[in-house]
Protein backbone atom coordinates (compact mmCIF):
# COMPACT_ATOMS: atom_id res chain seq x y z
CA UNK A 1 33.92 -35.22 -18.80
CA UNK A 2 33.83 -31.46 -18.16
CA UNK A 3 37.21 -29.74 -17.88
CA UNK A 4 36.85 -28.37 -14.34
CA UNK A 5 40.01 -26.26 -14.59
CA UNK A 6 38.53 -23.93 -17.22
CA UNK A 7 35.05 -23.49 -15.74
CA UNK A 8 34.34 -19.77 -15.14
CA UNK A 9 33.55 -18.87 -11.54
CA UNK A 10 31.41 -15.79 -12.25
CA UNK A 11 27.83 -15.68 -13.56
CA UNK A 12 26.41 -15.71 -16.17
CA UNK A 13 29.70 -16.67 -17.89
CA UNK A 14 29.69 -19.95 -15.98
CA UNK A 15 26.28 -20.89 -17.39
CA UNK A 16 27.24 -20.00 -20.96
CA UNK A 17 30.15 -22.44 -20.51
CA UNK A 18 27.77 -25.19 -19.39
CA UNK A 19 25.35 -24.45 -22.23
CA UNK A 20 28.16 -25.39 -24.63
CA UNK A 21 29.04 -28.48 -22.59
CA UNK A 22 25.42 -29.64 -22.44
CA UNK A 23 25.09 -29.14 -26.19
CA UNK A 24 27.86 -31.69 -26.76
CA UNK A 25 25.88 -34.35 -24.89
CA UNK A 26 22.62 -33.45 -26.63
CA UNK A 27 24.24 -33.43 -30.08
CA UNK A 28 25.83 -36.84 -29.43
CA UNK A 29 22.56 -38.39 -28.26
CA UNK A 30 20.62 -36.80 -31.14
CA UNK A 31 23.06 -38.31 -33.62
CA UNK A 32 22.79 -41.69 -31.92
CA UNK A 33 18.98 -41.60 -32.05
CA UNK A 34 18.86 -40.15 -35.55
CA UNK A 35 16.56 -37.32 -34.50
CA UNK A 36 16.53 -34.11 -32.48
CA UNK A 37 15.98 -34.42 -28.73
CA UNK A 38 12.79 -32.74 -27.53
CA UNK A 39 11.81 -30.89 -24.36
CA UNK A 40 8.48 -30.21 -22.65
CA UNK A 41 8.12 -27.65 -19.84
CA UNK A 42 4.95 -27.76 -17.76
CA UNK A 43 4.49 -24.62 -15.66
CA UNK A 44 2.35 -24.55 -12.54
CA UNK A 45 1.54 -21.44 -10.53
CA UNK A 46 2.08 -17.72 -10.89
CA UNK A 47 3.46 -15.32 -13.48
CA UNK A 48 6.84 -15.42 -11.77
CA UNK A 49 6.96 -19.14 -12.58
CA UNK A 50 5.83 -18.44 -16.14
CA UNK A 51 8.72 -16.00 -16.59
CA UNK A 52 11.16 -18.51 -15.04
CA UNK A 53 9.96 -21.10 -17.57
CA UNK A 54 10.65 -18.73 -20.45
CA UNK A 55 14.23 -18.49 -19.20
CA UNK A 56 14.50 -22.28 -18.89
CA UNK A 57 13.18 -22.74 -22.44
CA UNK A 58 15.67 -20.19 -23.78
CA UNK A 59 18.55 -22.14 -22.29
CA UNK A 60 17.21 -25.51 -23.47
CA UNK A 61 16.96 -24.29 -27.04
CA UNK A 62 20.53 -22.96 -26.88
CA UNK A 63 21.60 -26.43 -25.71
CA UNK A 64 19.97 -27.97 -28.77
CA UNK A 65 16.67 -29.36 -27.52
CA UNK A 66 13.65 -28.82 -29.77
CA UNK A 67 10.09 -28.16 -28.53
CA UNK A 68 8.09 -31.33 -27.91
CA UNK A 69 4.31 -31.51 -27.88
CA UNK A 70 3.80 -33.84 -24.92
CA UNK A 71 5.25 -35.22 -21.72
CA UNK A 72 6.71 -38.11 -23.69
CA UNK A 73 9.55 -35.79 -24.74
CA UNK A 74 13.24 -36.52 -24.05
CA UNK A 75 13.44 -33.89 -21.31
CA UNK A 76 10.40 -33.02 -19.19
CA UNK A 77 10.58 -30.20 -16.65
CA UNK A 78 7.88 -29.42 -14.11
CA UNK A 79 8.18 -25.87 -12.79
CA UNK A 80 6.20 -26.37 -9.60
CA UNK A 81 3.95 -24.29 -7.37
CA UNK A 82 3.38 -24.94 -3.69
CA UNK A 83 0.99 -22.17 -2.64
CA UNK A 84 -1.64 -24.81 -1.83
CA UNK A 85 -1.25 -28.36 -0.60
CA UNK A 86 -3.15 -29.78 -3.57
CA UNK A 87 -0.56 -28.23 -5.91
CA UNK A 88 1.97 -30.68 -4.47
CA UNK A 89 -0.44 -33.58 -4.87
CA UNK A 90 -0.93 -32.65 -8.52
CA UNK A 91 2.81 -32.98 -9.12
CA UNK A 92 2.96 -36.40 -7.47
CA UNK A 93 0.08 -37.49 -9.70
CA UNK A 94 1.87 -36.32 -12.84
CA UNK A 95 5.04 -38.13 -11.80
CA UNK A 96 3.10 -41.38 -11.67
CA UNK A 97 2.63 -41.58 -15.41
CA UNK A 98 6.02 -40.02 -16.27
CA UNK A 99 7.65 -43.15 -14.88
CA UNK A 100 5.96 -45.30 -17.54
CA UNK A 101 7.19 -42.96 -20.28
CA UNK A 102 10.73 -43.31 -18.96
CA UNK A 103 10.48 -47.10 -19.09
CA UNK A 104 9.94 -46.82 -22.86
CA UNK A 105 12.65 -44.18 -23.24
CA UNK A 106 15.48 -44.87 -20.76
CA UNK A 107 17.41 -41.81 -22.01
CA UNK A 108 14.54 -39.55 -20.97
CA UNK A 109 15.38 -36.98 -18.30
CA UNK A 110 12.88 -35.66 -15.76
CA UNK A 111 13.56 -32.43 -13.86
CA UNK A 112 11.60 -30.70 -11.10
CA UNK A 113 12.15 -27.09 -10.12
CA UNK A 114 10.29 -24.17 -8.57
CA UNK A 115 8.67 -23.48 -5.22
CA UNK A 116 7.70 -27.01 -4.23
CA UNK A 117 11.36 -28.04 -4.47
CA UNK A 118 12.26 -25.55 -1.72
CA UNK A 119 10.38 -27.76 0.75
CA UNK A 120 12.65 -30.41 2.24
CA UNK A 121 9.72 -32.76 2.88
CA UNK A 122 8.79 -32.70 -0.82
CA UNK A 123 12.39 -33.32 -1.91
CA UNK A 124 12.71 -36.20 0.57
CA UNK A 125 9.51 -37.79 -0.74
CA UNK A 126 10.67 -37.56 -4.35
CA UNK A 127 14.10 -38.99 -3.47
CA UNK A 128 12.49 -41.99 -1.80
CA UNK A 129 9.32 -42.63 -3.83
CA UNK A 130 10.23 -41.26 -7.28
CA UNK A 131 13.85 -42.21 -7.79
CA UNK A 132 13.49 -42.02 -11.58
CA UNK A 133 13.57 -38.20 -11.34
CA UNK A 134 16.93 -36.98 -12.65
CA UNK A 135 17.23 -33.35 -11.52
CA UNK A 136 15.80 -31.36 -8.61
CA UNK A 137 16.48 -27.64 -8.18
CA UNK A 138 14.72 -24.71 -6.49
CA UNK A 139 13.65 -21.12 -7.03
CA UNK A 140 17.04 -19.58 -6.34
CA UNK A 141 19.04 -21.38 -9.03
CA UNK A 142 16.69 -21.63 -12.03
CA UNK A 143 19.51 -20.15 -14.10
CA UNK A 144 21.65 -23.28 -13.48
CA UNK A 145 19.62 -25.68 -15.64
CA UNK A 146 22.43 -26.20 -18.20
CA UNK A 147 24.97 -26.96 -15.47
CA UNK A 148 22.58 -29.41 -13.83
CA UNK A 149 21.89 -31.16 -17.12
CA UNK A 150 25.64 -31.65 -17.61
CA UNK A 151 25.94 -33.07 -14.10
CA UNK A 152 23.05 -35.43 -14.80
CA UNK A 153 24.74 -36.77 -17.92
CA UNK A 154 28.10 -37.15 -16.17
CA UNK A 155 27.10 -38.39 -12.71
CA UNK A 156 24.32 -40.72 -13.94
CA UNK A 157 22.40 -40.31 -10.67
CA UNK A 158 19.78 -37.97 -9.27
CA UNK A 159 21.17 -34.43 -9.10
CA UNK A 160 19.75 -32.34 -6.25
CA UNK A 161 20.76 -28.67 -6.04
CA UNK A 162 18.42 -26.69 -3.80
CA UNK A 163 19.65 -23.52 -2.15
CA UNK A 164 18.19 -22.28 1.15
CA UNK A 165 18.52 -18.71 -0.06
CA UNK A 166 20.67 -16.31 -2.01
CA UNK A 167 21.27 -12.61 -2.54
CA UNK A 168 22.57 -13.39 -6.03
CA UNK A 169 20.59 -12.24 -9.08
CA UNK A 170 21.65 -13.81 -12.38
CA UNK A 171 20.12 -12.42 -15.57
CA UNK A 172 21.21 -11.95 -19.21
CA UNK A 173 20.78 -15.61 -20.10
CA UNK A 174 18.71 -16.73 -23.13
CA UNK A 175 14.90 -16.69 -22.84
CA UNK A 176 12.12 -17.63 -25.24
CA UNK A 177 9.00 -15.51 -24.81
CA UNK A 178 5.54 -17.00 -25.18
CA UNK A 179 4.46 -13.81 -27.00
CA UNK A 180 6.83 -11.82 -29.24
CA UNK A 181 5.01 -8.54 -28.49
CA UNK A 182 4.77 -8.67 -24.68
CA UNK A 183 6.97 -9.94 -21.88
CA UNK A 184 7.27 -10.27 -18.15
CA UNK A 185 10.25 -8.55 -16.55
CA UNK A 186 11.42 -9.50 -13.06
CA UNK A 187 12.16 -6.38 -11.04
CA UNK A 188 12.63 -8.19 -7.72
CA UNK A 189 12.61 -11.61 -6.14
CA UNK A 190 11.41 -12.94 -2.81
CA UNK A 191 9.01 -11.66 -0.16
CA UNK A 192 9.39 -10.20 3.33
CA UNK A 193 5.74 -10.17 4.38
CA UNK A 194 5.15 -13.56 6.07
CA UNK A 195 1.36 -13.56 5.82
CA UNK A 196 0.20 -16.26 8.21
CA UNK A 197 -1.38 -18.46 5.52
CA UNK A 198 1.36 -18.16 2.89
CA UNK A 199 4.41 -20.34 2.17
CA UNK A 200 5.94 -17.98 -0.44
CA UNK A 201 8.53 -16.20 1.79
CA UNK A 202 9.83 -19.60 2.87
CA UNK A 203 10.30 -20.87 -0.70
CA UNK A 204 11.13 -17.65 -2.57
CA UNK A 205 13.42 -16.16 0.10
CA UNK A 206 13.87 -12.56 1.20
CA UNK A 207 13.26 -9.58 -1.07
CA UNK A 208 16.02 -8.81 -3.54
CA UNK A 209 15.57 -5.91 -5.95
CA UNK A 210 17.34 -5.70 -9.29
CA UNK A 211 19.25 -2.53 -10.11
CA UNK A 212 17.06 -0.06 -12.03
CA UNK A 213 19.64 0.31 -14.81
CA UNK A 214 19.58 -3.45 -15.41
CA UNK A 215 15.79 -3.44 -15.61
CA UNK A 216 15.73 -0.48 -17.99
CA UNK A 217 18.36 -2.05 -20.25
CA UNK A 218 16.42 -5.32 -20.38
CA UNK A 219 13.21 -3.53 -21.33
CA UNK A 220 15.00 -1.50 -24.02
CA UNK A 221 16.32 -4.72 -25.52
CA UNK A 222 12.83 -6.24 -25.44
CA UNK A 223 11.35 -3.18 -27.17
CA UNK A 224 14.05 -3.38 -29.83
CA UNK A 225 12.94 -6.99 -30.33
CA UNK A 226 9.31 -6.02 -30.91
CA UNK A 227 7.82 -5.90 -27.39
CA UNK A 228 5.14 -3.22 -26.89
CA UNK A 229 3.90 -4.26 -23.43
CA UNK A 230 5.81 -5.29 -20.32
CA UNK A 231 4.57 -6.79 -17.06
CA UNK A 232 6.85 -5.82 -14.16
CA UNK A 233 6.94 -8.79 -11.79
CA UNK A 234 7.56 -9.18 -8.08
CA UNK A 235 5.88 -10.78 -5.09
CA UNK A 236 5.32 -7.21 -3.82
CA UNK A 237 6.32 -4.63 -6.41
CA UNK A 238 5.31 -1.78 -4.09
CA UNK A 239 8.33 -2.49 -1.89
CA UNK A 240 10.75 -2.47 -4.83
CA UNK A 241 14.09 -0.79 -4.30
CA UNK A 242 14.21 -0.62 -0.51
CA UNK A 243 17.20 -2.97 -0.21
CA UNK A 244 19.31 -1.43 -2.98
CA UNK A 245 22.58 0.31 -2.21
CA UNK A 246 20.97 3.46 -3.58
CA UNK A 247 17.27 3.05 -2.66
CA UNK A 248 14.63 3.93 -5.23
CA UNK A 249 10.85 3.71 -5.06
CA UNK A 250 8.64 1.70 -7.39
CA UNK A 251 7.09 4.92 -8.68
CA UNK A 252 10.56 6.27 -9.52
CA UNK A 253 11.34 3.07 -11.43
CA UNK A 254 8.06 3.42 -13.35
CA UNK A 255 9.02 6.97 -14.31
CA UNK A 256 12.16 5.61 -15.95
CA UNK A 257 10.27 2.80 -17.69
CA UNK A 258 7.73 5.33 -18.99
CA UNK A 259 10.51 7.15 -20.85
CA UNK A 260 11.47 4.15 -22.97
CA UNK A 261 10.66 5.00 -26.56
CA UNK A 262 8.60 2.41 -28.40
CA UNK A 263 7.10 0.89 -25.26
CA UNK A 264 3.31 1.28 -25.38
CA UNK A 265 1.97 -0.38 -22.24
CA UNK A 266 3.19 -1.06 -18.70
CA UNK A 267 1.57 -3.52 -16.30
CA UNK A 268 2.72 -4.75 -12.91
CA UNK A 269 1.85 -7.26 -10.20
CA UNK A 270 1.50 -8.03 -7.41
CA UNK A 271 0.88 -5.07 -5.10
CA UNK A 272 0.57 -5.28 -1.33
CA UNK A 273 -1.87 -2.69 0.09
CA UNK A 274 0.39 -1.85 3.04
CA UNK A 275 3.05 -0.49 0.67
CA UNK A 276 0.83 1.30 -1.87
CA UNK A 277 2.06 4.88 -1.80
CA UNK A 278 0.42 8.17 -2.76
CA UNK A 279 3.46 8.69 -4.98
CA UNK A 280 2.56 5.63 -7.06
CA UNK A 281 -1.11 6.62 -7.28
CA UNK A 282 -0.18 10.12 -8.48
CA UNK A 283 2.21 8.66 -11.05
CA UNK A 284 -0.58 6.48 -12.42
CA UNK A 285 -2.84 9.53 -12.66
CA UNK A 286 -0.48 11.23 -15.11
CA UNK A 287 1.07 8.21 -16.85
CA UNK A 288 0.40 7.69 -20.54
CA UNK A 289 1.58 4.08 -20.53
CA UNK A 290 0.61 2.38 -17.26
CA UNK A 291 -2.49 0.28 -17.89
CA UNK A 292 -5.65 1.21 -16.02
CA UNK A 293 -5.75 -2.02 -14.07
CA UNK A 294 -4.69 -2.52 -10.47
CA UNK A 295 -4.60 -5.89 -8.73
CA UNK A 296 -4.96 -5.13 -5.03
CA UNK A 297 -5.34 -8.29 -2.90
CA UNK A 298 -7.85 -7.88 -0.09
CA UNK A 299 -7.82 -11.43 1.40
CA UNK A 300 -10.43 -10.46 4.00
CA UNK A 301 -12.63 -7.48 4.81
CA UNK A 302 -12.39 -8.16 8.54
CA UNK A 303 -9.80 -6.02 10.32
CA UNK A 304 -9.56 -8.69 13.01
CA UNK A 305 -8.72 -11.38 10.46
CA UNK A 306 -6.35 -9.07 8.58
CA UNK A 307 -4.39 -8.66 11.82
CA UNK A 308 -4.37 -12.44 12.32
CA UNK A 309 -3.19 -12.82 8.74
CA UNK A 310 -0.29 -10.38 9.41
CA UNK A 311 -1.41 -8.13 6.55
CA UNK A 312 -0.60 -4.78 8.26
CA UNK A 313 -3.65 -2.83 7.09
CA UNK A 314 -7.26 -2.46 8.21
CA UNK A 315 -10.52 -2.62 6.28
CA UNK A 316 -10.66 1.18 6.45
CA UNK A 317 -7.07 1.50 5.17
CA UNK A 318 -7.95 -0.67 2.18
CA UNK A 319 -11.11 1.24 1.31
CA UNK A 320 -9.19 4.52 1.48
CA UNK A 321 -6.65 3.19 -1.02
CA UNK A 322 -9.45 2.21 -3.40
CA UNK A 323 -10.95 5.68 -3.03
CA UNK A 324 -7.59 7.30 -3.85
CA UNK A 325 -7.09 5.04 -6.89
CA UNK A 326 -10.56 5.77 -8.27
CA UNK A 327 -10.16 9.51 -7.70
CA UNK A 328 -6.81 9.55 -9.53
CA UNK A 329 -7.81 7.16 -12.34
CA UNK A 330 -11.63 7.13 -12.60
CA UNK A 331 -11.81 4.33 -15.16
CA UNK A 332 -9.35 2.04 -13.37
CA UNK A 333 -10.24 -1.65 -13.14
CA UNK A 334 -9.57 -3.03 -9.66
CA UNK A 335 -9.19 -6.77 -9.17
CA UNK A 336 -8.39 -8.70 -6.03
CA UNK A 337 -7.78 -11.96 -4.15
CA UNK A 338 -10.14 -13.08 -1.39
CA UNK A 339 -9.78 -16.03 1.00
CA UNK A 340 -12.90 -17.65 2.43
CA UNK A 341 -12.75 -19.84 5.53
CA UNK A 342 -9.55 -18.57 7.15
CA UNK A 343 -9.23 -20.11 10.64
CA UNK A 344 -11.44 -18.33 13.15
CA UNK A 345 -13.56 -16.60 10.49
CA UNK A 346 -17.02 -15.88 11.93
CA UNK A 347 -20.16 -15.03 9.97
CA UNK A 348 -19.60 -11.41 11.03
CA UNK A 349 -16.05 -11.50 9.62
CA UNK A 350 -17.37 -12.90 6.36
CA UNK A 351 -20.04 -10.18 6.15
CA UNK A 352 -17.25 -7.59 6.52
CA UNK A 353 -15.67 -9.11 3.41
CA UNK A 354 -19.01 -8.98 1.60
CA UNK A 355 -19.32 -5.31 2.60
CA UNK A 356 -15.97 -4.50 0.96
CA UNK A 357 -17.09 -6.35 -2.17
CA UNK A 358 -20.28 -4.26 -2.28
CA UNK A 359 -18.42 -1.00 -1.79
CA UNK A 360 -15.48 -1.60 -4.13
CA UNK A 361 -17.42 -3.40 -6.89
CA UNK A 362 -14.42 -5.31 -8.23
CA UNK A 363 -13.99 -5.84 -11.95
CA UNK A 364 -13.04 -9.41 -11.10
CA UNK A 365 -11.82 -11.35 -8.10
CA UNK A 366 -9.86 -14.53 -7.53
CA UNK A 367 -11.81 -16.19 -4.73
CA UNK A 368 -10.12 -19.00 -2.82
CA UNK A 369 -11.25 -21.48 -0.24
CA UNK A 370 -8.66 -21.39 2.55
CA UNK A 371 -6.14 -24.15 2.00
CA UNK A 372 -4.35 -25.42 5.10
CA UNK A 373 -0.69 -25.03 4.18
CA UNK A 374 1.86 -27.05 6.17
CA UNK A 375 4.68 -24.89 7.46
CA UNK A 376 2.56 -21.75 7.97
CA UNK A 377 1.26 -20.36 11.30
CA UNK A 378 -2.39 -20.55 10.18
CA UNK A 379 -2.14 -24.31 9.58
CA UNK A 380 -1.37 -24.88 13.27
CA UNK A 381 -4.53 -23.20 14.53
CA UNK A 382 -7.25 -25.33 16.08
CA UNK A 383 -10.16 -23.10 14.99
CA UNK A 384 -10.35 -24.36 11.41
CA UNK A 385 -13.72 -23.76 9.70
CA UNK A 386 -15.88 -26.72 8.66
CA UNK A 387 -16.09 -27.47 4.92
CA UNK A 388 -19.89 -27.01 4.94
CA UNK A 389 -19.65 -23.47 6.33
CA UNK A 390 -16.82 -22.57 3.96
CA UNK A 391 -18.74 -23.81 0.91
CA UNK A 392 -21.82 -21.81 1.87
CA UNK A 393 -19.81 -18.62 2.26
CA UNK A 394 -17.76 -19.24 -0.86
CA UNK A 395 -20.86 -19.75 -3.01
CA UNK A 396 -22.44 -16.54 -1.67
CA UNK A 397 -19.26 -14.56 -2.28
CA UNK A 398 -18.65 -15.92 -5.77
CA UNK A 399 -22.23 -15.23 -6.86
CA UNK A 400 -22.10 -11.61 -5.73
CA UNK A 401 -18.61 -10.97 -7.13
CA UNK A 402 -19.72 -12.25 -10.52
CA UNK A 403 -22.92 -10.18 -10.48
CA UNK A 404 -21.07 -6.96 -9.70
CA UNK A 405 -18.29 -7.68 -12.18
CA UNK A 406 -20.86 -8.33 -14.92
CA UNK A 407 -22.53 -5.00 -14.18
CA UNK A 408 -19.16 -3.20 -14.32
CA UNK A 409 -18.33 -4.85 -17.65
CA UNK A 410 -21.76 -4.00 -19.11
CA UNK A 411 -21.13 -0.30 -18.45
CA UNK A 412 -18.38 -0.24 -21.11
CA UNK A 413 -20.67 -1.55 -23.84
CA UNK A 414 -20.74 0.85 -26.80
CA UNK A 415 -17.44 2.53 -25.95
CA UNK A 416 -14.44 2.55 -28.31
CA UNK A 417 -11.19 1.48 -26.66
CA UNK A 418 -7.67 0.37 -27.58
CA UNK A 419 -7.02 -3.37 -27.77
CA UNK A 420 -3.64 -5.12 -27.91
CA UNK A 421 -4.27 -8.05 -30.25
CA UNK A 422 -2.78 -11.25 -28.81
CA UNK A 423 -3.94 -14.18 -30.93
CA UNK A 424 -6.27 -15.64 -33.48
CA UNK A 425 -9.37 -16.78 -31.61
CA UNK A 426 -9.12 -20.48 -30.77
CA UNK A 427 -12.85 -21.13 -31.42
CA UNK A 428 -13.43 -18.96 -34.49
CA UNK A 429 -10.51 -18.41 -36.87
CA UNK A 430 -12.21 -15.36 -38.38
CA UNK A 431 -11.84 -13.55 -35.06
CA UNK A 432 -8.82 -12.26 -33.16
CA UNK A 433 -8.59 -11.81 -29.40
CA UNK A 434 -6.89 -9.13 -27.37
CA UNK A 435 -6.93 -7.15 -24.14
CA UNK A 436 -8.05 -3.70 -23.11
CA UNK A 437 -5.91 -1.56 -20.83
CA UNK A 438 -8.14 -2.77 -17.97
CA UNK A 439 -7.18 -6.39 -18.86
CA UNK A 440 -10.63 -7.37 -20.20
CA UNK A 441 -10.70 -9.67 -23.24
CA UNK A 442 -12.20 -8.59 -26.57
CA UNK A 443 -12.93 -10.73 -29.64
CA UNK A 444 -13.46 -9.09 -33.04
CA UNK A 445 -13.12 -9.80 -36.76
CA UNK A 446 -9.51 -9.76 -37.95
CA UNK A 447 -6.54 -11.84 -39.05
CA UNK A 448 -3.13 -12.87 -37.74
CA UNK A 449 -1.48 -9.78 -39.25
CA UNK A 450 -3.03 -7.76 -36.42
CA UNK A 451 -1.27 -9.76 -33.68
CA UNK A 452 0.97 -7.50 -31.62
CA UNK A 453 -0.77 -4.31 -32.77
CA UNK A 454 -2.83 -1.92 -30.67
CA UNK A 455 -6.06 -1.09 -32.52
CA UNK A 456 -9.25 0.83 -31.73
CA UNK A 457 -12.28 -1.39 -31.22
CA UNK A 458 -15.89 -0.56 -30.44
CA UNK A 459 -17.25 -2.81 -27.69
CA UNK A 460 -20.47 -3.83 -29.40
CA UNK A 461 -21.71 -6.51 -27.02
CA UNK A 462 -20.74 -7.47 -23.47
CA UNK A 463 -20.88 -11.21 -22.83
CA UNK A 464 -20.39 -11.01 -19.08
CA UNK A 465 -16.62 -11.29 -18.81
CA UNK A 466 -15.57 -10.56 -22.38
CA UNK A 467 -16.70 -8.41 -25.29
CA UNK A 468 -17.55 -8.89 -28.93
CA UNK A 469 -16.09 -5.87 -30.70
CA UNK A 470 -15.88 -4.16 -34.06
CA UNK A 471 -12.66 -2.62 -35.30
CA UNK A 472 -12.87 1.11 -35.95
């Protein structure tokens, strides 16, 4: 049993204590089984979840778990998403076959974390219908995984630790990056926007910005460890710094990040149009490191629907922002999110969205059919759109978005541009794959020694949404 008298009360020291305690249990069980215990983390959802999973994996490996290659591992963790209702259903489906794995391996532990676990109805359902789950925790206490594993070993019952909210930010714990040369960096947590269709503010909590010095120190450590590109992460990075004791703007933070020697590329997401400042646009104009890619969610081109959605900008506001971005950075790639079939959407509203698509000519767009999300204001409306109408509009939108994006991509054919090489191509081992500053994918002849390097490549042939290149 854990010696409760000597448990540190401050973080992250408390978690380092529990990492050591958890390792004792894992070492004992490994010795008993005559093999290393394995883990498998399945991540659903956004890049914030992906970064959370890297932190979870870092802690698990410190505890002594080894990577497993399937969900038949000794510890399986689902880092869940709940943006859409079907995301929850997907988790319930996965749990169905995990139960059979646990029957064959009674020592197996199953843990659920992330956004879905912040919903009381989901937790209640799991507690009643999936009692073989060992650990449930939410978005606010991801860092506690070692402590919760210890409790699971000692209490021998389902451990549920879901916080309603927190203003605590715990960093400086181990993390294992998916790529050695690039990394996500959380600059803030939570969201204050309460868009009418979105559950995120309810499950991620209110905005909490990290101190700029902590962010800069983390990035410096990453660069010293071989990272050349960082992705600054937040639900709305444009509102970074407003709640700090000494407020700072996102553009001012980027200025500090730009100065870090050895860092080659800076990306960020996601940006909310209502908070996109002229200061940030001007910084991007002069920056040598910020990638020429801006993800600017539109959601709808109808000002009436944007008001219903609680987005706080108009169609005209949005188009003006695009104009400013293109004037400052002429070759910038602009991508977006668009919802089709929001309650009350008329054909005229939809045509307003199509008009924005025609005028902006996005480099790519994530197009979504409106998903009725329990717990949001939009789900309670009685003017839901019929599936037939939604499908018709969605198909028209998707077709035009893809046509325009293909034309934009074709325009770069023949140009020579810098590519950050990310991997050996999965289909052809004589090729490597990487990304341009605008986030487009390029495949060209090379070997694994190029991974992590930025090289000049001529874009020989555009294949619609990727390029075949030739190294210069």
